C-alpha cells in the first residue's frame, strides 16, 4: 500500500502494524476505509507468520468514529445498506479465521483474530473507533487519549456489541455512564476504570511496539493463541467449564515443540526459538 492509502500495513519479524491513515480527519472511517480495514484484519488474522498485531492511528488521533459524510449517507437511505447484512450472515472474507459468526465484522474481529491485538491510542477514540479499541486485547494510551461513546448524541444505540464487551472491561456502572451520557472520558479516568492498561507519558506507539516485539520474540505463538481463545470463551463459561478446558489445553501443550523449547531455552539461559508447533 502507498502512504496515501487510508489503511497502512507493515509486517516485520512476526509483528503486524495496522495504521489508520486519514490524519486530517482524525482517522474517521469512510466506507472505503472500513472495507479495506475489514480485509486487512482478515488477511492478517489468517497469516501464520504474524504473531502480534498493533493498531494505531496516524497523526493526532486513533479513530474519531465514522466519517460525517458516511453518516449523512446513512441518514439519506435510512441505513438500508446496513440492514441487509446481519452479524450471523455468512461472510466469506473471514473464512480463513476460526471465529464464531458473531465476531465476523470489522468492529469485532480483533477479538476473533488468533494473535494478541494491541491498540496504541494517541488521541480521539470515539464511536466506531471506541468499538475497535474495546475489541483489542490490550490498550495503551497517551495522556491526550480521549474516549467517547457518542451514540446517544447522534441518535444511535450501542454498536458492535459494546453493551456486552465494554462492561466486561470497565464494569457495568462505568459502561452505563459512558454509553448513556456519551460524555468524554480523558486518559486518566480511562486508566482508572481499566479501559486503558496504562498511560504512556512519552511515545505511546514506541512503547506499544516494544511491548509487542517482546511478545513476538519471547512468547510461544501457540500459547498466546490458546490463551486468547481461553479468555474469550471464559466470558460465557462457568468455573467448571473453564477449569476443564484449562486442564485439556495444558495436557495438549505438554506434547508440543514450543513447550520443549520453552523449558530448554530457560535452562540454557538463551532466547527461545518458538515455532508455534
Protein backbone atom coordinates (compact mmCIF):
# COMPACT_ATOMS: atom_id res chain seq x y z
CA UNK A 1 0.00 0.00 0.00
CA UNK A 2 1.13 3.58 -0.62
CA UNK A 3 1.42 6.14 2.17
CA UNK A 4 -1.76 7.75 0.79
CA UNK A 5 -3.82 4.61 1.40
CA UNK A 6 -6.39 5.02 4.20
CA UNK A 7 -5.09 1.85 5.91
CA UNK A 8 -1.37 1.07 6.05
CA UNK A 9 0.14 -2.33 6.91
CA UNK A 10 3.72 -3.18 7.85
CA UNK A 11 4.83 -6.71 8.81
CA UNK A 12 8.27 -7.43 10.25
CA UNK A 13 9.61 -10.22 12.49
CA UNK A 14 6.19 -11.53 13.40
CA UNK A 15 4.72 -8.11 14.19
CA UNK A 16 1.99 -6.55 12.03
CA UNK A 17 1.28 -2.84 12.43
CA UNK A 18 -2.04 -1.58 11.08
CA UNK A 19 -2.22 2.20 10.81
CA UNK A 20 -5.47 4.07 10.23
CA UNK A 21 -4.33 6.77 7.84
CA UNK A 22 -6.62 9.78 7.48
CA UNK A 23 -4.82 12.05 9.93
CA UNK A 24 -6.51 15.28 8.79
CA UNK A 25 -9.88 13.70 9.70
CA UNK A 26 -8.58 12.07 12.90
CA UNK A 27 -8.82 8.76 11.03
CA UNK A 28 -12.62 8.79 10.83
CA UNK A 29 -13.81 5.74 8.90
CA UNK A 30 -15.23 6.13 5.40
CA UNK A 31 -16.95 3.21 3.67
CA UNK A 32 -13.82 2.56 1.58
CA UNK A 33 -11.61 2.65 4.66
CA UNK A 34 -13.95 0.32 6.55
CA UNK A 35 -13.92 -2.25 3.77
CA UNK A 36 -10.14 -2.06 3.47
CA UNK A 37 -9.77 -2.43 7.24
CA UNK A 38 -12.05 -5.47 7.21
CA UNK A 39 -9.96 -7.18 4.52
CA UNK A 40 -6.77 -6.25 6.37
CA UNK A 41 -7.99 -7.81 9.62
CA UNK A 42 -8.99 -10.98 7.76
CA UNK A 43 -5.68 -11.27 5.90
CA UNK A 44 -3.52 -10.66 8.96
CA UNK A 45 -5.59 -12.91 11.19
CA UNK A 46 -5.08 -15.77 8.73
CA UNK A 47 -1.34 -15.11 8.32
CA UNK A 48 0.62 -17.74 10.31
CA UNK A 49 3.77 -15.59 10.18
CA UNK A 50 2.13 -12.82 12.24
CA UNK A 51 2.42 -13.35 15.98
CA UNK A 52 1.27 -9.97 17.33
CA UNK A 53 -0.80 -7.11 15.89
CA UNK A 54 -0.68 -3.40 16.75
CA UNK A 55 -3.40 -0.98 15.66
CA UNK A 56 -2.52 2.72 15.64
CA UNK A 57 -3.78 5.98 14.20
CA UNK A 58 -1.74 8.39 12.09
CA UNK A 59 -1.39 11.96 13.27
CA UNK A 60 -3.10 13.16 16.45
CA UNK A 61 -5.99 10.71 16.71
CA UNK A 62 -6.72 6.99 16.90
CA UNK A 63 -10.15 7.00 15.23
CA UNK A 64 -12.76 9.72 15.70
CA UNK A 65 -15.59 7.41 14.66
CA UNK A 66 -17.50 7.23 11.39
CA UNK A 67 -16.80 9.89 8.78
CA UNK A 68 -19.55 12.51 8.76
CA UNK A 69 -20.11 12.01 5.03
CA UNK A 70 -20.76 8.35 5.70
CA UNK A 71 -23.23 9.21 8.46
CA UNK A 72 -25.03 11.61 6.16
CA UNK A 73 -25.31 8.83 3.58
CA UNK A 74 -26.85 6.56 6.20
CA UNK A 75 -29.32 9.33 7.01
CA UNK A 76 -30.26 9.60 3.34
CA UNK A 77 -31.00 5.89 2.85
CA UNK A 78 -32.13 5.27 6.45
CA UNK A 79 -29.49 2.58 6.90
CA UNK A 80 -30.85 0.37 4.13
CA UNK A 81 -27.38 -0.91 3.24
CA UNK A 82 -26.56 -1.97 6.78
CA UNK A 83 -29.92 -3.66 7.26
CA UNK A 84 -29.16 -6.17 4.51
CA UNK A 85 -26.25 -7.73 6.42
CA UNK A 86 -26.55 -9.19 9.90
CA UNK A 87 -23.72 -10.45 12.16
CA UNK A 88 -24.79 -14.07 11.79
CA UNK A 89 -24.87 -13.94 7.97
CA UNK A 90 -22.05 -15.82 6.15
CA UNK A 91 -19.08 -13.54 5.48
CA UNK A 92 -16.52 -15.25 3.24
CA UNK A 93 -13.92 -12.56 3.95
CA UNK A 94 -13.34 -14.25 7.29
CA UNK A 95 -13.34 -17.86 6.13
CA UNK A 96 -9.63 -18.06 6.94
CA UNK A 97 -10.34 -17.39 10.62
CA UNK A 98 -11.60 -19.91 13.14
CA UNK A 99 -14.10 -17.44 14.53
CA UNK A 100 -17.74 -17.55 15.62
CA UNK A 101 -20.17 -15.81 13.30
CA UNK A 102 -21.00 -13.00 15.73
CA UNK A 103 -17.36 -11.81 15.69
CA UNK A 104 -17.07 -11.72 11.90
CA UNK A 105 -17.36 -7.97 11.45
CA UNK A 106 -14.78 -5.25 11.10
CA UNK A 107 -15.52 -3.73 14.52
CA UNK A 108 -15.36 -7.01 16.42
CA UNK A 109 -12.89 -9.19 14.55
CA UNK A 110 -9.82 -8.16 16.63
CA UNK A 111 -11.44 -10.40 19.29
CA UNK A 112 -11.52 -13.27 16.80
CA UNK A 113 -8.02 -12.83 15.38
CA UNK A 114 -5.79 -15.53 16.90
CA UNK A 115 -2.95 -13.12 17.62
CA UNK A 116 -2.80 -10.70 20.56
CA UNK A 117 -4.08 -7.35 19.25
CA UNK A 118 -2.82 -4.19 20.96
CA UNK A 119 -4.14 -0.66 20.44
CA UNK A 120 -1.86 2.39 20.66
CA UNK A 121 -4.31 5.21 21.37
CA UNK A 122 -2.78 8.62 20.80
CA UNK A 123 -5.85 10.88 20.83
CA UNK A 124 -9.51 10.82 19.87
CA UNK A 125 -11.11 7.38 20.15
CA UNK A 126 -14.84 7.72 19.56
CA UNK A 127 -17.84 5.76 18.33
CA UNK A 128 -16.72 3.00 16.00
CA UNK A 129 -13.13 3.85 16.97
CA UNK A 130 -14.03 3.01 20.56
CA UNK A 131 -15.60 -0.24 19.36
CA UNK A 132 -12.35 -1.22 17.61
CA UNK A 133 -10.26 -0.32 20.68
CA UNK A 134 -12.52 -2.31 23.02
CA UNK A 135 -12.24 -5.32 20.69
CA UNK A 136 -8.45 -5.27 21.16
CA UNK A 137 -6.84 -7.34 23.89
CA UNK A 138 -4.66 -4.59 25.36
CA UNK A 139 -4.83 -0.79 25.15
CA UNK A 140 -2.06 1.72 25.80
CA UNK A 141 -2.84 5.44 25.65
CA UNK A 142 -1.07 8.76 25.55
CA UNK A 143 -2.04 11.50 28.03
CA UNK A 144 -4.02 13.02 25.13
CA UNK A 145 -6.16 9.89 24.64
CA UNK A 146 -9.84 10.83 24.71
CA UNK A 147 -12.76 8.40 24.63
CA UNK A 148 -16.44 8.85 23.93
CA UNK A 149 -19.35 6.55 23.20
CA UNK A 150 -21.19 9.34 21.45
CA UNK A 151 -24.00 7.14 20.11
CA UNK A 152 -26.90 8.72 22.05
CA UNK A 153 -25.71 12.17 20.96
CA UNK A 154 -26.14 11.06 17.34
CA UNK A 155 -29.46 9.30 17.85
CA UNK A 156 -27.79 5.86 17.68
CA UNK A 157 -27.54 2.90 20.04
CA UNK A 158 -24.61 0.88 21.40
CA UNK A 159 -22.81 -0.50 18.34
CA UNK A 160 -20.76 -3.65 17.76
CA UNK A 161 -21.90 -5.41 20.92
CA UNK A 162 -20.43 -2.71 23.17
CA UNK A 163 -23.24 -3.22 25.69
CA UNK A 164 -21.72 -6.70 26.20
CA UNK A 165 -17.98 -6.06 25.77
CA UNK A 166 -17.44 -2.69 27.47
CA UNK A 167 -18.93 -3.71 30.86
CA UNK A 168 -16.60 -6.71 30.88
CA UNK A 169 -13.66 -4.32 30.77
CA UNK A 170 -14.78 -1.38 32.91
CA UNK A 171 -17.78 -2.76 34.84
CA UNK A 172 -21.47 -2.08 34.30
CA UNK A 173 -21.61 1.21 36.20
CA UNK A 174 -18.77 2.82 34.23
CA UNK A 175 -20.05 1.41 30.94
CA UNK A 176 -23.54 2.76 31.67
CA UNK A 177 -22.05 6.17 32.42
CA UNK A 178 -20.05 6.21 29.18
CA UNK A 179 -22.79 4.93 26.89
CA UNK A 180 -25.86 6.64 28.34
CA UNK A 181 -24.23 10.08 28.66
CA UNK A 182 -21.95 9.98 25.60
CA UNK A 183 -19.59 12.20 27.60
CA UNK A 184 -15.86 12.43 27.00
CA UNK A 185 -13.50 10.34 29.11
CA UNK A 186 -9.91 11.51 29.47
CA UNK A 187 -6.87 9.27 29.69
CA UNK A 188 -6.54 9.37 33.48
CA UNK A 189 -10.18 8.37 34.02
CA UNK A 190 -9.91 5.69 31.33
CA UNK A 191 -6.91 4.20 33.11
CA UNK A 192 -8.68 4.25 36.49
CA UNK A 193 -11.68 2.38 35.08
CA UNK A 194 -9.49 -0.17 33.28
CA UNK A 195 -10.23 0.95 29.73
CA UNK A 196 -6.51 1.73 29.35
CA UNK A 197 -3.95 -0.76 30.58
CA UNK A 198 -1.52 2.12 31.03
CA UNK A 199 -0.88 5.75 30.13
CA UNK A 200 2.44 6.23 28.35
CA UNK A 201 3.89 9.68 29.00
CA UNK A 202 6.43 9.62 26.19
CA UNK A 203 5.78 7.94 22.83
CA UNK A 204 2.78 5.63 23.11
CA UNK A 205 3.40 3.98 19.74
CA UNK A 206 7.07 3.29 20.52
CA UNK A 207 6.07 1.78 23.86
CA UNK A 208 3.38 -0.36 22.24
CA UNK A 209 5.72 -1.59 19.52
CA UNK A 210 8.38 -2.53 22.09
CA UNK A 211 5.77 -4.41 24.14
CA UNK A 212 4.51 -6.22 21.03
CA UNK A 213 8.02 -7.11 19.84
CA UNK A 214 8.76 -8.67 23.23
CA UNK A 215 5.70 -10.92 22.84
CA UNK A 216 6.62 -11.79 19.26
CA UNK A 217 10.18 -12.70 20.24
CA UNK A 218 9.72 -14.38 23.61
CA UNK A 219 6.21 -15.88 23.78
CA UNK A 220 5.04 -19.05 22.08
CA UNK A 221 2.52 -18.15 19.36
CA UNK A 222 0.73 -21.40 20.08
CA UNK A 223 0.41 -20.40 23.74
CA UNK A 224 -0.80 -16.87 23.01
CA UNK A 225 -3.38 -18.17 20.51
CA UNK A 226 -4.68 -20.70 23.03
CA UNK A 227 -4.72 -18.28 25.96
CA UNK A 228 -6.57 -15.66 23.91
CA UNK A 229 -9.18 -18.26 22.97
CA UNK A 230 -9.48 -19.32 26.64
CA UNK A 231 -10.04 -15.71 27.69
CA UNK A 232 -12.74 -15.23 25.05
CA UNK A 233 -14.57 -18.43 25.92
CA UNK A 234 -14.31 -17.78 29.67
CA UNK A 235 -16.70 -14.83 29.39
CA UNK A 236 -19.52 -17.31 28.80
CA UNK A 237 -18.23 -20.33 30.75
CA UNK A 238 -18.86 -21.31 34.33
CA UNK A 239 -15.87 -22.17 36.51
CA UNK A 240 -16.21 -25.90 35.89
CA UNK A 241 -16.08 -25.47 32.11
CA UNK A 242 -13.09 -23.12 32.33
CA UNK A 243 -11.13 -25.45 34.63
CA UNK A 244 -11.80 -28.50 32.42
CA UNK A 245 -10.72 -26.59 29.30
CA UNK A 246 -7.59 -25.36 31.10
CA UNK A 247 -6.67 -28.94 32.01
CA UNK A 248 -7.17 -30.18 28.46
CA UNK A 249 -5.14 -27.33 26.97
CA UNK A 250 -2.25 -27.85 29.40
CA UNK A 251 -2.14 -31.56 28.59
CA UNK A 252 -2.09 -30.74 24.88
CA UNK A 253 0.68 -28.15 25.31
CA UNK A 254 2.95 -30.63 27.14
CA UNK A 255 3.27 -32.62 23.92
CA UNK A 256 4.17 -29.58 21.79
CA UNK A 257 7.54 -28.46 20.50
CA UNK A 258 7.08 -24.98 21.94
CA UNK A 259 6.87 -26.39 25.48
CA UNK A 260 10.10 -28.32 24.96
CA UNK A 261 11.75 -25.19 23.57
CA UNK A 262 10.45 -23.02 26.40
CA UNK A 263 11.97 -25.29 29.04
CA UNK A 264 15.22 -25.80 27.10
CA UNK A 265 15.76 -22.08 26.48
CA UNK A 266 15.17 -21.30 30.16
CA UNK A 267 17.61 -23.98 31.34
CA UNK A 268 20.20 -22.96 28.75
CA UNK A 269 19.71 -19.25 29.51
CA UNK A 270 19.14 -18.24 25.89
CA UNK A 271 16.30 -16.59 23.94
CA UNK A 272 13.61 -19.05 22.87
CA UNK A 273 13.11 -20.03 19.24
CA UNK A 274 9.40 -20.80 19.19
CA UNK A 275 7.82 -22.19 16.05
CA UNK A 276 4.16 -22.30 17.07
CA UNK A 277 4.15 -26.09 16.96
